[in-house]
All heavy atoms as atom14 arrays in JSON, in Angstrom:
{
  "sequence": "VKGRFTISRDNAKNTIYLQMNNLKPEDMAVYYCNAQKTWGGPVFD",
  "atom14_mask": [
    [1, 1, 1, 1, 1, 1, 1, 0, 0, 0, 0, 0, 0, 0],
    [1, 1, 1, 1, 1, 1, 1, 1, 1, 0, 0, 0, 0, 0],
    [1, 1, 1, 1, 0, 0, 0, 0, 0, 0, 0, 0, 0, 0],
    [1, 1, 1, 1, 1, 1, 1, 1, 1, 1, 1, 0, 0, 0],
    [1, 1, 1, 1, 1, 1, 1, 1, 1, 1, 1, 0, 0, 0],
    [1, 1, 1, 1, 1, 1, 1, 0, 0, 0, 0, 0, 0, 0],
    [1, 1, 1, 1, 1, 1, 1, 1, 0, 0, 0, 0, 0, 0],
    [1, 1, 1, 1, 1, 1, 0, 0, 0, 0, 0, 0, 0, 0],
    [1, 1, 1, 1, 1, 1, 1, 1, 1, 1, 1, 0, 0, 0],
    [1, 1, 1, 1, 1, 1, 1, 1, 0, 0, 0, 0, 0, 0],
    [1, 1, 1, 1, 1, 1, 1, 1, 0, 0, 0, 0, 0, 0],
    [1, 1, 1, 1, 1, 0, 0, 0, 0, 0, 0, 0, 0, 0],
    [1, 1, 1, 1, 1, 1, 1, 1, 1, 0, 0, 0, 0, 0],
    [1, 1, 1, 1, 1, 1, 1, 1, 0, 0, 0, 0, 0, 0],
    [1, 1, 1, 1, 1, 1, 1, 0, 0, 0, 0, 0, 0, 0],
    [1, 1, 1, 1, 1, 1, 1, 1, 0, 0, 0, 0, 0, 0],
    [1, 1, 1, 1, 1, 1, 1, 1, 1, 1, 1, 1, 0, 0],
    [1, 1, 1, 1, 1, 1, 1, 1, 0, 0, 0, 0, 0, 0],
    [1, 1, 1, 1, 1, 1, 1, 1, 1, 0, 0, 0, 0, 0],
    [1, 1, 1, 1, 1, 1, 1, 1, 0, 0, 0, 0, 0, 0],
    [1, 1, 1, 1, 1, 1, 1, 1, 0, 0, 0, 0, 0, 0],
    [1, 1, 1, 1, 1, 1, 1, 1, 0, 0, 0, 0, 0, 0],
    [1, 1, 1, 1, 1, 1, 1, 1, 0, 0, 0, 0, 0, 0],
    [1, 1, 1, 1, 1, 1, 1, 1, 1, 0, 0, 0, 0, 0],
    [1, 1, 1, 1, 1, 1, 1, 0, 0, 0, 0, 0, 0, 0],
    [1, 1, 1, 1, 1, 1, 1, 1, 1, 0, 0, 0, 0, 0],
    [1, 1, 1, 1, 1, 1, 1, 1, 0, 0, 0, 0, 0, 0],
    [1, 1, 1, 1, 1, 1, 1, 1, 0, 0, 0, 0, 0, 0],
    [1, 1, 1, 1, 1, 0, 0, 0, 0, 0, 0, 0, 0, 0],
    [1, 1, 1, 1, 1, 1, 1, 0, 0, 0, 0, 0, 0, 0],
    [1, 1, 1, 1, 1, 1, 1, 1, 1, 1, 1, 1, 0, 0],
    [1, 1, 1, 1, 1, 1, 1, 1, 1, 1, 1, 1, 0, 0],
    [1, 1, 1, 1, 1, 1, 0, 0, 0, 0, 0, 0, 0, 0],
    [1, 1, 1, 1, 1, 1, 1, 1, 0, 0, 0, 0, 0, 0],
    [1, 1, 1, 1, 1, 0, 0, 0, 0, 0, 0, 0, 0, 0],
    [1, 1, 1, 1, 1, 1, 1, 1, 1, 0, 0, 0, 0, 0],
    [1, 1, 1, 1, 1, 1, 1, 1, 1, 0, 0, 0, 0, 0],
    [1, 1, 1, 1, 1, 1, 1, 0, 0, 0, 0, 0, 0, 0],
    [1, 1, 1, 1, 1, 1, 1, 1, 1, 1, 1, 1, 1, 1],
    [1, 1, 1, 1, 0, 0, 0, 0, 0, 0, 0, 0, 0, 0],
    [1, 1, 1, 1, 0, 0, 0, 0, 0, 0, 0, 0, 0, 0],
    [1, 1, 1, 1, 1, 1, 1, 0, 0, 0, 0, 0, 0, 0],
    [1, 1, 1, 1, 1, 1, 1, 0, 0, 0, 0, 0, 0, 0],
    [1, 1, 1, 1, 1, 1, 1, 1, 1, 1, 1, 0, 0, 0],
    [1, 1, 1, 1, 1, 1, 1, 1, 0, 0, 0, 0, 0, 0]
  ],
  "atom14_positions": [
    [[-191.22, 74.78, -37.86], [-189.82, 75.22, -37.81], [-189.37, 75.94, -39.07], [-188.23, 76.42, -39.12], [-188.87, 74.03, -37.53], [-189.31, 73.27, -36.29], [-188.79, 73.1, -38.73], [0.0, 0.0, 0.0], [0.0, 0.0, 0.0], [0.0, 0.0, 0.0], [0.0, 0.0, 0.0], [0.0, 0.0, 0.0], [0.0, 0.0, 0.0], [0.0, 0.0, 0.0]],
    [[-190.23, 76.04, -40.06], [-189.86, 76.72, -41.3], [-189.45, 78.16, -41.03], [-190.12, 78.88, -40.29], [-191.02, 76.68, -42.3], [-191.25, 75.32, -42.92], [-192.41, 75.36, -43.91], [-192.63, 74.01, -44.55], [-193.79, 74.03, -45.48], [0.0, 0.0, 0.0], [0.0, 0.0, 0.0], [0.0, 0.0, 0.0], [0.0, 0.0, 0.0], [0.0, 0.0, 0.0]],
    [[-188.35, 78.55, -41.64], [-187.85, 79.9, -41.44], [-186.96, 80.07, -40.24], [-186.3, 81.11, -40.1], [0.0, 0.0, 0.0], [0.0, 0.0, 0.0], [0.0, 0.0, 0.0], [0.0, 0.0, 0.0], [0.0, 0.0, 0.0], [0.0, 0.0, 0.0], [0.0, 0.0, 0.0], [0.0, 0.0, 0.0], [0.0, 0.0, 0.0], [0.0, 0.0, 0.0]],
    [[-186.93, 79.08, -39.37], [-186.11, 79.15, -38.16], [-185.01, 78.09, -38.14], [-183.92, 78.35, -37.63], [-186.97, 79.0, -36.91], [-188.03, 80.07, -36.76], [-188.74, 79.98, -35.41], [-189.44, 78.71, -35.24], [-189.17, 77.82, -34.29], [-188.21, 78.07, -33.41], [-189.87, 76.7, -34.21], [0.0, 0.0, 0.0], [0.0, 0.0, 0.0], [0.0, 0.0, 0.0]],
    [[-185.3, 76.91, -38.66], [-184.34, 75.8, -38.66], [-183.81, 75.57, -40.06], [-184.53, 75.75, -41.06], [-185.0, 74.51, -38.17], [-185.37, 74.48, -36.71], [-185.33, 75.62, -35.93], [-185.75, 73.29, -36.13], [-185.68, 75.59, -34.59], [-186.1, 73.23, -34.79], [-186.06, 74.38, -34.02], [0.0, 0.0, 0.0], [0.0, 0.0, 0.0], [0.0, 0.0, 0.0]],
    [[-182.57, 75.12, -40.15], [-181.96, 74.78, -41.42], [-181.21, 73.46, -41.3], [-180.37, 73.31, -40.41], [-180.99, 75.86, -41.91], [-181.67, 77.12, -42.02], [-180.42, 75.49, -43.27], [0.0, 0.0, 0.0], [0.0, 0.0, 0.0], [0.0, 0.0, 0.0], [0.0, 0.0, 0.0], [0.0, 0.0, 0.0], [0.0, 0.0, 0.0], [0.0, 0.0, 0.0]],
    [[-181.53, 72.51, -42.17], [-180.8, 71.25, -42.21], [-179.75, 71.33, -43.31], [-180.01, 71.88, -44.39], [-181.75, 70.05, -42.42], [-180.99, 68.73, -42.27], [-182.47, 70.13, -43.75], [-181.89, 67.5, -42.24], [0.0, 0.0, 0.0], [0.0, 0.0, 0.0], [0.0, 0.0, 0.0], [0.0, 0.0, 0.0], [0.0, 0.0, 0.0], [0.0, 0.0, 0.0]],
    [[-178.59, 70.78, -43.05], [-177.52, 70.78, -44.04], [-176.7, 69.51, -43.87], [-176.92, 68.74, -42.93], [-176.64, 72.02, -43.9], [-176.02, 72.08, -42.62], [0.0, 0.0, 0.0], [0.0, 0.0, 0.0], [0.0, 0.0, 0.0], [0.0, 0.0, 0.0], [0.0, 0.0, 0.0], [0.0, 0.0, 0.0], [0.0, 0.0, 0.0], [0.0, 0.0, 0.0]],
    [[-175.76, 69.29, -44.78], [-174.96, 68.08, -44.72], [-173.54, 68.34, -45.18], [-173.27, 69.26, -45.95], [-175.59, 66.99, -45.6], [-175.57, 67.3, -47.08], [-176.31, 66.28, -47.89], [-176.22, 66.54, -49.31], [-176.92, 65.94, -50.25], [-177.8, 65.01, -49.9], [-176.75, 66.26, -51.53], [0.0, 0.0, 0.0], [0.0, 0.0, 0.0], [0.0, 0.0, 0.0]],
    [[-172.64, 67.52, -44.69], [-171.26, 67.49, -45.13], [-170.98, 66.05, -45.52], [-170.72, 65.21, -44.66], [-170.31, 67.96, -44.03], [-168.87, 68.06, -44.49], [-168.5, 67.38, -45.47], [-168.1, 68.8, -43.87], [0.0, 0.0, 0.0], [0.0, 0.0, 0.0], [0.0, 0.0, 0.0], [0.0, 0.0, 0.0], [0.0, 0.0, 0.0], [0.0, 0.0, 0.0]],
    [[-171.07, 65.76, -46.8], [-170.95, 64.38, -47.26], [-169.57, 63.79, -46.97], [-169.45, 62.59, -46.71], [-171.25, 64.29, -48.75], [-172.71, 64.52, -49.07], [-173.58, 64.27, -48.24], [-172.99, 65.01, -50.27], [0.0, 0.0, 0.0], [0.0, 0.0, 0.0], [0.0, 0.0, 0.0], [0.0, 0.0, 0.0], [0.0, 0.0, 0.0], [0.0, 0.0, 0.0]],
    [[-168.54, 64.61, -47.03], [-167.2, 64.11, -46.76], [-167.06, 63.6, -45.34], [-166.27, 62.7, -45.07], [-166.17, 65.21, -47.03], [0.0, 0.0, 0.0], [0.0, 0.0, 0.0], [0.0, 0.0, 0.0], [0.0, 0.0, 0.0], [0.0, 0.0, 0.0], [0.0, 0.0, 0.0], [0.0, 0.0, 0.0], [0.0, 0.0, 0.0], [0.0, 0.0, 0.0]],
    [[-167.81, 64.18, -44.42], [-167.77, 63.78, -43.02], [-168.94, 62.87, -42.64], [-169.04, 62.49, -41.47], [-167.77, 65.0, -42.12], [-166.56, 65.9, -42.27], [-166.63, 67.09, -41.32], [-165.41, 67.96, -41.44], [-165.48, 69.13, -40.52], [0.0, 0.0, 0.0], [0.0, 0.0, 0.0], [0.0, 0.0, 0.0], [0.0, 0.0, 0.0], [0.0, 0.0, 0.0]],
    [[-169.8, 62.55, -43.6], [-170.99, 61.76, -43.32], [-171.8, 62.34, -42.16], [-172.29, 61.61, -41.3], [-170.62, 60.3, -43.04], [-169.97, 59.63, -44.23], [-170.48, 59.7, -45.35], [-168.84, 58.99, -44.0], [0.0, 0.0, 0.0], [0.0, 0.0, 0.0], [0.0, 0.0, 0.0], [0.0, 0.0, 0.0], [0.0, 0.0, 0.0], [0.0, 0.0, 0.0]],
    [[-171.93, 63.64, -42.17], [-172.53, 64.35, -41.07], [-173.63, 65.28, -41.57], [-173.49, 65.93, -42.6], [-171.48, 65.18, -40.32], [-170.49, 64.29, -39.78], [-172.1, 65.97, -39.18], [0.0, 0.0, 0.0], [0.0, 0.0, 0.0], [0.0, 0.0, 0.0], [0.0, 0.0, 0.0], [0.0, 0.0, 0.0], [0.0, 0.0, 0.0], [0.0, 0.0, 0.0]],
    [[-174.73, 65.33, -40.83], [-175.76, 66.31, -41.07], [-175.85, 67.24, -39.88], [-175.41, 66.9, -38.77], [-177.14, 65.68, -41.35], [-177.64, 64.88, -40.14], [-177.1, 64.82, -42.6], [-179.11, 64.51, -40.23], [0.0, 0.0, 0.0], [0.0, 0.0, 0.0], [0.0, 0.0, 0.0], [0.0, 0.0, 0.0], [0.0, 0.0, 0.0], [0.0, 0.0, 0.0]],
    [[-176.43, 68.41, -40.12], [-176.53, 69.43, -39.1], [-177.95, 69.96, -39.06], [-178.69, 69.91, -40.04], [-175.57, 70.58, -39.38], [-174.14, 70.15, -39.57], [-173.65, 69.84, -40.83], [-173.28, 70.05, -38.48], [-172.33, 69.45, -41.0], [-171.97, 69.66, -38.65], [-171.5, 69.35, -39.91], [-170.19, 68.96, -40.07], [0.0, 0.0, 0.0], [0.0, 0.0, 0.0]],
    [[-178.31, 70.49, -37.92], [-179.57, 71.2, -37.79], [-179.27, 72.51, -37.06], [-179.01, 72.51, -35.86], [-180.61, 70.39, -37.02], [-182.0, 71.03, -36.94], [-182.65, 71.06, -38.33], [-182.89, 70.28, -35.96], [0.0, 0.0, 0.0], [0.0, 0.0, 0.0], [0.0, 0.0, 0.0], [0.0, 0.0, 0.0], [0.0, 0.0, 0.0], [0.0, 0.0, 0.0]],
    [[-179.29, 73.6, -37.82], [-179.12, 74.92, -37.24], [-180.48, 75.4, -36.77], [-181.41, 75.54, -37.58], [-178.54, 75.89, -38.25], [-178.36, 77.31, -37.73], [-177.33, 77.4, -36.63], [-176.24, 76.86, -36.75], [-177.67, 78.09, -35.55], [0.0, 0.0, 0.0], [0.0, 0.0, 0.0], [0.0, 0.0, 0.0], [0.0, 0.0, 0.0], [0.0, 0.0, 0.0]],
    [[-180.61, 75.66, -35.49], [-181.87, 76.06, -34.9], [-181.74, 77.48, -34.38], [-180.96, 77.75, -33.46], [-182.27, 75.11, -33.77], [-182.36, 73.65, -34.2], [-182.95, 72.57, -32.86], [-181.56, 72.7, -31.73], [0.0, 0.0, 0.0], [0.0, 0.0, 0.0], [0.0, 0.0, 0.0], [0.0, 0.0, 0.0], [0.0, 0.0, 0.0], [0.0, 0.0, 0.0]],
    [[-182.49, 78.39, -34.99], [-182.47, 79.79, -34.6], [-183.82, 80.19, -34.03], [-184.84, 79.56, -34.3], [-182.14, 80.67, -35.8], [-180.77, 80.42, -36.36], [-179.83, 80.11, -35.63], [-180.62, 80.58, -37.67], [0.0, 0.0, 0.0], [0.0, 0.0, 0.0], [0.0, 0.0, 0.0], [0.0, 0.0, 0.0], [0.0, 0.0, 0.0], [0.0, 0.0, 0.0]],
    [[-183.82, 81.28, -33.27], [-185.04, 81.8, -32.67], [-185.83, 80.7, -31.98], [-187.02, 80.51, -32.2], [-185.9, 82.49, -33.73], [-187.04, 83.28, -33.13], [-186.98, 83.71, -31.98], [-188.1, 83.48, -33.91], [0.0, 0.0, 0.0], [0.0, 0.0, 0.0], [0.0, 0.0, 0.0], [0.0, 0.0, 0.0], [0.0, 0.0, 0.0], [0.0, 0.0, 0.0]],
    [[-185.14, 79.98, -31.12], [-185.77, 78.85, -30.45], [-186.9, 79.3, -29.53], [-186.82, 80.35, -28.88], [-184.73, 78.07, -29.66], [-183.86, 77.16, -30.53], [-182.56, 76.81, -29.81], [-184.62, 75.89, -30.89], [0.0, 0.0, 0.0], [0.0, 0.0, 0.0], [0.0, 0.0, 0.0], [0.0, 0.0, 0.0], [0.0, 0.0, 0.0], [0.0, 0.0, 0.0]],
    [[-187.93, 78.49, -29.5], [-189.11, 78.75, -28.69], [-189.27, 77.65, -27.65], [-188.77, 76.55, -27.83], [-190.36, 78.8, -29.58], [-190.3, 79.83, -30.69], [-191.52, 79.74, -31.58], [-191.48, 80.77, -32.69], [-192.67, 80.69, -33.56], [0.0, 0.0, 0.0], [0.0, 0.0, 0.0], [0.0, 0.0, 0.0], [0.0, 0.0, 0.0], [0.0, 0.0, 0.0]],
    [[-189.99, 77.93, -26.57], [-190.21, 76.88, -25.56], [-190.82, 75.61, -26.15], [-190.5, 74.51, -25.68], [-191.15, 77.55, -24.56], [-190.81, 79.0, -24.66], [-190.52, 79.23, -26.12], [0.0, 0.0, 0.0], [0.0, 0.0, 0.0], [0.0, 0.0, 0.0], [0.0, 0.0, 0.0], [0.0, 0.0, 0.0], [0.0, 0.0, 0.0], [0.0, 0.0, 0.0]],
    [[-191.66, 75.74, -27.15], [-192.28, 74.58, -27.75], [-191.31, 73.73, -28.56], [-191.65, 72.62, -28.99], [-193.48, 74.97, -28.63], [-193.17, 76.05, -29.64], [-193.58, 77.43, -29.18], [-193.33, 77.76, -27.99], [-194.17, 78.19, -29.98], [0.0, 0.0, 0.0], [0.0, 0.0, 0.0], [0.0, 0.0, 0.0], [0.0, 0.0, 0.0], [0.0, 0.0, 0.0]],
    [[-190.1, 74.23, -28.8], [-189.07, 73.44, -29.46], [-188.37, 72.49, -28.5], [-187.57, 71.66, -28.94], [-188.02, 74.35, -30.11], [-188.58, 75.2, -31.22], [-189.38, 74.69, -32.04], [-188.21, 76.4, -31.29], [0.0, 0.0, 0.0], [0.0, 0.0, 0.0], [0.0, 0.0, 0.0], [0.0, 0.0, 0.0], [0.0, 0.0, 0.0], [0.0, 0.0, 0.0]],
    [[-188.63, 72.62, -27.24], [-187.97, 71.79, -26.24], [-188.38, 70.33, -26.44], [-189.56, 70.0, -26.4], [-188.31, 72.26, -24.84], [-187.59, 71.5, -23.74], [-187.69, 72.36, -22.14], [-189.46, 72.44, -21.91], [0.0, 0.0, 0.0], [0.0, 0.0, 0.0], [0.0, 0.0, 0.0], [0.0, 0.0, 0.0], [0.0, 0.0, 0.0], [0.0, 0.0, 0.0]],
    [[-187.4, 69.48, -26.65], [-187.65, 68.07, -26.94], [-186.33, 67.33, -27.0], [-185.25, 67.94, -26.96], [-188.39, 67.92, -28.27], [0.0, 0.0, 0.0], [0.0, 0.0, 0.0], [0.0, 0.0, 0.0], [0.0, 0.0, 0.0], [0.0, 0.0, 0.0], [0.0, 0.0, 0.0], [0.0, 0.0, 0.0], [0.0, 0.0, 0.0], [0.0, 0.0, 0.0]],
    [[-186.42, 66.02, -27.1], [-185.27, 65.21, -27.45], [-185.22, 65.12, -28.97], [-186.21, 64.74, -29.6], [-185.33, 63.8, -26.83], [-184.14, 62.96, -27.28], [-185.36, 63.89, -25.31], [0.0, 0.0, 0.0], [0.0, 0.0, 0.0], [0.0, 0.0, 0.0], [0.0, 0.0, 0.0], [0.0, 0.0, 0.0], [0.0, 0.0, 0.0], [0.0, 0.0, 0.0]],
    [[-184.1, 65.48, -29.54], [-183.94, 65.47, -30.99], [-183.16, 64.23, -31.41], [-182.1, 63.92, -30.86], [-183.21, 66.74, -31.45], [-184.11, 67.95, -31.45], [-184.53, 68.51, -30.25], [-184.55, 68.51, -32.64], [-185.38, 69.6, -30.24], [-185.39, 69.61, -32.64], [-185.8, 70.16, -31.43], [-186.64, 71.25, -31.43], [0.0, 0.0, 0.0], [0.0, 0.0, 0.0]],
    [[-183.71, 63.53, -32.4], [-183.14, 62.27, -32.87], [-182.68, 62.4, -34.32], [-183.4, 62.94, -35.16], [-184.16, 61.14, -32.78], [-184.6, 60.81, -31.38], [-185.71, 61.42, -30.81], [-183.91, 59.87, -30.63], [-186.12, 61.12, -29.53], [-184.31, 59.55, -29.34], [-185.42, 60.18, -28.8], [-185.83, 59.87, -27.52], [0.0, 0.0, 0.0], [0.0, 0.0, 0.0]],
    [[-181.52, 61.86, -34.58], [-181.0, 61.77, -35.93], [-181.51, 60.5, -36.59], [-181.61, 59.45, -35.95], [-179.47, 61.77, -35.88], [-178.65, 61.68, -37.48], [0.0, 0.0, 0.0], [0.0, 0.0, 0.0], [0.0, 0.0, 0.0], [0.0, 0.0, 0.0], [0.0, 0.0, 0.0], [0.0, 0.0, 0.0], [0.0, 0.0, 0.0], [0.0, 0.0, 0.0]],
    [[-181.83, 60.59, -37.87], [-182.38, 59.46, -38.62], [-181.63, 59.28, -39.94], [-181.18, 60.25, -40.55], [-183.87, 59.7, -38.91], [-184.45, 58.72, -39.91], [-184.55, 59.02, -41.1], [-184.83, 57.55, -39.43], [0.0, 0.0, 0.0], [0.0, 0.0, 0.0], [0.0, 0.0, 0.0], [0.0, 0.0, 0.0], [0.0, 0.0, 0.0], [0.0, 0.0, 0.0]],
    [[-181.53, 58.03, -40.36], [-181.0, 57.71, -41.68], [-181.82, 56.58, -42.27], [-182.18, 55.63, -41.57], [-179.53, 57.32, -41.61], [0.0, 0.0, 0.0], [0.0, 0.0, 0.0], [0.0, 0.0, 0.0], [0.0, 0.0, 0.0], [0.0, 0.0, 0.0], [0.0, 0.0, 0.0], [0.0, 0.0, 0.0], [0.0, 0.0, 0.0], [0.0, 0.0, 0.0]],
    [[-182.13, 56.68, -43.56], [-182.85, 55.65, -44.28], [-181.93, 55.04, -45.32], [-181.32, 55.77, -46.11], [-184.11, 56.21, -44.93], [-185.16, 56.66, -43.94], [-186.43, 57.13, -44.61], [-186.43, 57.49, -45.78], [-187.52, 57.12, -43.86], [0.0, 0.0, 0.0], [0.0, 0.0, 0.0], [0.0, 0.0, 0.0], [0.0, 0.0, 0.0], [0.0, 0.0, 0.0]],
    [[-181.87, 53.72, -45.32], [-180.94, 53.0, -46.17], [-181.66, 51.94, -46.99], [-182.55, 51.26, -46.48], [-179.86, 52.34, -45.31], [-178.77, 51.61, -46.08], [-177.74, 51.04, -45.11], [-176.66, 50.27, -45.84], [-175.65, 49.73, -44.9], [0.0, 0.0, 0.0], [0.0, 0.0, 0.0], [0.0, 0.0, 0.0], [0.0, 0.0, 0.0], [0.0, 0.0, 0.0]],
    [[-181.29, 51.81, -48.25], [-181.86, 50.78, -49.1], [-180.87, 50.38, -50.18], [-180.02, 51.18, -50.59], [-183.18, 51.25, -49.74], [-183.76, 50.18, -50.48], [-182.93, 52.42, -50.7], [0.0, 0.0, 0.0], [0.0, 0.0, 0.0], [0.0, 0.0, 0.0], [0.0, 0.0, 0.0], [0.0, 0.0, 0.0], [0.0, 0.0, 0.0], [0.0, 0.0, 0.0]],
    [[-181.0, 49.14, -50.62], [-180.24, 48.64, -51.77], [-181.14, 48.52, -52.98], [-180.79, 47.89, -53.98], [-179.6, 47.29, -51.44], [-178.52, 47.38, -50.43], [-178.64, 47.21, -49.08], [-177.14, 47.68, -50.68], [-177.42, 47.38, -48.47], [-176.48, 47.67, -49.43], [-176.39, 47.96, -51.84], [-175.12, 47.92, -49.31], [-175.04, 48.21, -51.71], [-174.41, 48.19, -50.46]],
    [[-182.32, 49.1, -52.91], [-183.3, 49.06, -53.97], [-184.57, 48.32, -53.6], [-185.56, 48.4, -54.32], [0.0, 0.0, 0.0], [0.0, 0.0, 0.0], [0.0, 0.0, 0.0], [0.0, 0.0, 0.0], [0.0, 0.0, 0.0], [0.0, 0.0, 0.0], [0.0, 0.0, 0.0], [0.0, 0.0, 0.0], [0.0, 0.0, 0.0], [0.0, 0.0, 0.0]],
    [[-184.53, 47.6, -52.49], [-185.69, 46.88, -52.01], [-186.23, 47.52, -50.75], [-186.66, 48.67, -50.76], [0.0, 0.0, 0.0], [0.0, 0.0, 0.0], [0.0, 0.0, 0.0], [0.0, 0.0, 0.0], [0.0, 0.0, 0.0], [0.0, 0.0, 0.0], [0.0, 0.0, 0.0], [0.0, 0.0, 0.0], [0.0, 0.0, 0.0], [0.0, 0.0, 0.0]],
    [[-186.22, 46.76, -49.65], [-186.73, 47.33, -48.39], [-185.91, 48.54, -47.94], [-184.71, 48.63, -48.2], [-186.6, 46.17, -47.4], [-186.56, 44.94, -48.25], [-185.86, 45.35, -49.5], [0.0, 0.0, 0.0], [0.0, 0.0, 0.0], [0.0, 0.0, 0.0], [0.0, 0.0, 0.0], [0.0, 0.0, 0.0], [0.0, 0.0, 0.0], [0.0, 0.0, 0.0]],
    [[-186.58, 49.44, -47.26], [-185.92, 50.61, -46.69], [-185.8, 50.41, -45.19], [-186.77, 50.06, -44.52], [-186.71, 51.89, -46.99], [-186.06, 53.09, -46.31], [-186.79, 52.12, -48.49], [0.0, 0.0, 0.0], [0.0, 0.0, 0.0], [0.0, 0.0, 0.0], [0.0, 0.0, 0.0], [0.0, 0.0, 0.0], [0.0, 0.0, 0.0], [0.0, 0.0, 0.0]],
    [[-184.61, 50.64, -44.67], [-184.35, 50.45, -43.25], [-184.08, 51.79, -42.6], [-183.36, 52.63, -43.14], [-183.16, 49.52, -43.05], [-183.36, 48.15, -43.61], [-182.97, 47.85, -44.9], [-183.95, 47.16, -42.85], [-183.15, 46.59, -45.43], [-184.15, 45.89, -43.36], [-183.75, 45.6, -44.65], [0.0, 0.0, 0.0], [0.0, 0.0, 0.0], [0.0, 0.0, 0.0]],
    [[-184.66, 51.98, -41.43], [-184.47, 53.19, -40.65], [-183.48, 52.97, -39.53], [-183.54, 51.95, -38.82], [-185.79, 53.66, -40.05], [-186.62, 54.46, -41.02], [-186.18, 55.58, -41.39], [-187.71, 53.99, -41.4], [0.0, 0.0, 0.0], [0.0, 0.0, 0.0], [0.0, 0.0, 0.0], [0.0, 0.0, 0.0], [0.0, 0.0, 0.0], [0.0, 0.0, 0.0]]
  ]
}
């Protein structure tokens, strides 16, 4: 996806975005949002 997709964020809205350009048939999928959280120990997805 390099050169076609761009990830960005708006911290004030706690929102991330994925701008997908020049989409191809092979891009067809279910897209999932992920967040990783930690307090310094274990990381939770």
